[in-house]
C-alpha atoms as a PDB file:
ATOM      1  CA  MET A   1      33.945  57.660  27.523  1.00  0.00           C
ATOM      2  CA  ILE A   2      35.078  54.039  27.195  1.00  0.00           C
ATOM      3  CA  PHE A   3      34.167  52.334  23.944  1.00  0.00           C
ATOM      4  CA  ARG A   4      33.610  48.593  24.191  1.00  0.00           C
ATOM      5  CA  SER A   5      32.976  47.972  20.505  1.00  0.00           C
ATOM      6  CA  THR A   6      35.103  45.721  18.332  1.00  0.00           C
ATOM      7  CA  ALA A   7      37.906  47.827  16.926  1.00  0.00           C
ATOM      8  CA  ASP A   8      39.735  45.536  14.505  1.00  0.00           C
ATOM      9  CA  LEU A   9      39.103  42.807  11.947  1.00  0.00           C
ATOM     10  CA  PRO A  10      40.675  39.861  13.835  1.00  0.00           C
ATOM     11  CA  HIS A  11      38.432  40.482  16.849  1.00  0.00           C
ATOM     12  CA  LEU A  12      35.382  40.908  14.618  1.00  0.00           C
ATOM     13  CA  VAL A  13      36.082  37.600  12.855  1.00  0.00           C
ATOM     14  CA  LYS A  14      36.423  35.883  16.244  1.00  0.00           C
ATOM     15  CA  LYS A  15      33.169  37.429  17.531  1.00  0.00           C
ATOM     16  CA  LEU A  16      31.330  36.322  14.382  1.00  0.00           C
ATOM     17  CA  ALA A  17      32.620  32.756  14.781  1.00  0.00           C
ATOM     18  CA  VAL A  18      31.486  32.673  18.416  1.00  0.00           C
ATOM     19  CA  ALA A  19      28.053  34.071  17.496  1.00  0.00           C
ATOM     20  CA  ARG A  20      27.592  31.487  14.743  1.00  0.00           C
ATOM     21  CA  LYS A  21      28.564  28.646  17.071  1.00  0.00           C
ATOM     22  CA  ARG A  22      26.368  29.939  19.903  1.00  0.00           C
ATOM     23  CA  GLY A  23      23.447  30.685  17.589  1.00  0.00           C
ATOM     24  CA  TYR A  24      23.035  34.339  18.504  1.00  0.00           C
ATOM     25  CA  ALA A  25      25.025  37.557  18.755  1.00  0.00           C
ATOM     26  CA  ILE A  26      25.269  39.855  21.742  1.00  0.00           C
ATOM     27  CA  ASP A  27      26.049  43.523  22.145  1.00  0.00           C
ATOM     28  CA  ASP A  28      26.986  44.153  25.754  1.00  0.00           C
ATOM     29  CA  GLY A  29      27.066  47.937  25.870  1.00  0.00           C
ATOM     30  CA  GLU A  30      29.166  48.184  22.710  1.00  0.00           C
ATOM     31  CA  VAL A  31      26.975  50.721  20.954  1.00  0.00           C
ATOM     32  CA  HIS A  32      25.253  52.324  23.932  1.00  0.00           C
ATOM     33  CA  PRO A  33      26.416  51.939  27.545  1.00  0.00           C
ATOM     34  CA  GLY A  34      23.815  50.152  29.660  1.00  0.00           C
ATOM     35  CA  VAL A  35      22.100  48.537  26.675  1.00  0.00           C
ATOM     36  CA  TYR A  36      22.392  44.785  26.090  1.00  0.00           C
ATOM     37  CA  GLY A  37      21.368  43.504  22.660  1.00  0.00           C
ATOM     38  CA  ILE A  38      20.654  39.951  21.521  1.00  0.00           C
ATOM     39  CA  ALA A  39      20.061  39.004  17.877  1.00  0.00           C
ATOM     40  CA  MET A  40      19.756  35.836  15.823  1.00  0.00           C
ATOM     41  CA  THR A  41      19.013  34.889  12.259  1.00  0.00           C
ATOM     42  CA  ILE A  42      15.715  33.674  10.885  1.00  0.00           C
ATOM     43  CA  PRO A  43      16.471  30.945   8.350  1.00  0.00           C
ATOM     44  CA  PRO A  44      14.947  31.444   4.901  1.00  0.00           C
ATOM     45  CA  ARG A  45      11.717  29.558   4.215  1.00  0.00           C
ATOM     46  CA  ALA A  46      12.850  28.448   0.769  1.00  0.00           C
ATOM     47  CA  PRO A  47      16.094  28.236  -1.210  1.00  0.00           C
ATOM     48  CA  GLY A  48      17.038  31.584  -2.699  1.00  0.00           C
ATOM     49  CA  GLU A  49      15.212  33.651  -0.103  1.00  0.00           C
ATOM     50  CA  SER A  50      17.117  36.094   2.055  1.00  0.00           C
ATOM     51  CA  THR A  51      18.118  35.311   5.604  1.00  0.00           C
ATOM     52  CA  LEU A  52      16.502  37.747   8.029  1.00  0.00           C
ATOM     53  CA  ALA A  53      17.246  38.529  11.671  1.00  0.00           C
ATOM     54  CA  ILE A  54      15.396  39.335  14.864  1.00  0.00           C
ATOM     55  CA  GLY A  55      16.747  41.029  17.939  1.00  0.00           C
ATOM     56  CA  VAL A  56      15.961  42.836  21.155  1.00  0.00           C
ATOM     57  CA  SER A  57      17.648  45.491  23.228  1.00  0.00           C
ATOM     58  CA  LEU A  58      17.450  45.440  27.003  1.00  0.00           C
ATOM     59  CA  VAL A  59      18.132  48.545  29.038  1.00  0.00           C
ATOM     60  CA  GLU A  60      19.986  47.683  32.205  1.00  0.00           C
ATOM     61  CA  SER A  61      18.624  49.481  35.236  1.00  0.00           C
ATOM     62  CA  GLY A  62      18.765  49.248  38.980  1.00  0.00           C
ATOM     63  CA  GLY A  63      15.289  47.728  39.067  1.00  0.00           C
ATOM     64  CA  GLU A  64      13.907  44.380  38.004  1.00  0.00           C
ATOM     65  CA  THR A  65      16.123  42.379  35.698  1.00  0.00           C
ATOM     66  CA  VAL A  66      15.004  40.234  32.781  1.00  0.00           C
ATOM     67  CA  SER A  67      16.522  36.792  32.402  1.00  0.00           C
ATOM     68  CA  ARG A  68      18.723  36.885  29.315  1.00  0.00           C
ATOM     69  CA  ASP A  69      18.291  33.112  28.959  1.00  0.00           C
ATOM     70  CA  ALA A  70      14.513  33.605  28.848  1.00  0.00           C
ATOM     71  CA  VAL A  71      14.873  36.309  26.196  1.00  0.00           C
ATOM     72  CA  ILE A  72      17.115  34.052  24.100  1.00  0.00           C
ATOM     73  CA  ALA A  73      14.601  31.190  24.402  1.00  0.00           C
ATOM     74  CA  GLU A  74      11.751  33.486  23.303  1.00  0.00           C
ATOM     75  CA  LEU A  75      13.787  34.795  20.363  1.00  0.00           C
ATOM     76  CA  ARG A  76      14.548  31.232  19.269  1.00  0.00           C
ATOM     77  CA  GLU A  77      10.870  30.304  19.431  1.00  0.00           C
ATOM     78  CA  ILE A  78       9.858  33.388  17.430  1.00  0.00           C
ATOM     79  CA  ALA A  79      12.612  32.825  14.848  1.00  0.00           C
ATOM     80  CA  ASP A  80      11.547  29.190  14.455  1.00  0.00           C
ATOM     81  CA  GLN A  81       7.907  30.194  14.005  1.00  0.00           C
ATOM     82  CA  LEU A  82       8.794  32.870  11.449  1.00  0.00           C
ATOM     83  CA  ALA A  83      10.960  30.418   9.523  1.00  0.00           C
ATOM     84  CA  ASN A  84       8.220  27.775   9.594  1.00  0.00           C
ATOM     85  CA  PRO A  85       4.805  29.438   9.985  1.00  0.00           C
ATOM     86  CA  THR A  86       3.022  26.076  10.085  1.00  0.00           C
ATOM     87  CA  MET A  87       4.754  25.350  13.391  1.00  0.00           C
ATOM     88  CA  THR A  88       2.561  25.966  16.414  1.00  0.00           C
ATOM     89  CA  GLY A  89       3.789  27.377  19.698  1.00  0.00           C
ATOM     90  CA  ALA A  90       3.839  25.231  22.826  1.00  0.00           C
END
């Protein structure tokens, strides 16, 4: 079995920097082969509150594929709405 997970601190630090810059983290089969995960933070509503996160896992199959860009856009919209519940969806 080939493990694709991050195995050392320098690579983890680099992956975290990329995720922060991009605005979301990905797991491309690192924990489970054939599973693609996307996660992003939900900013706190008020100072002192904890930062939360939201994510999805997609199982890759030979059938219909889901647009990862569409999933990321939906996650962003949900995260924004959870961070600011007075915001209305488009």
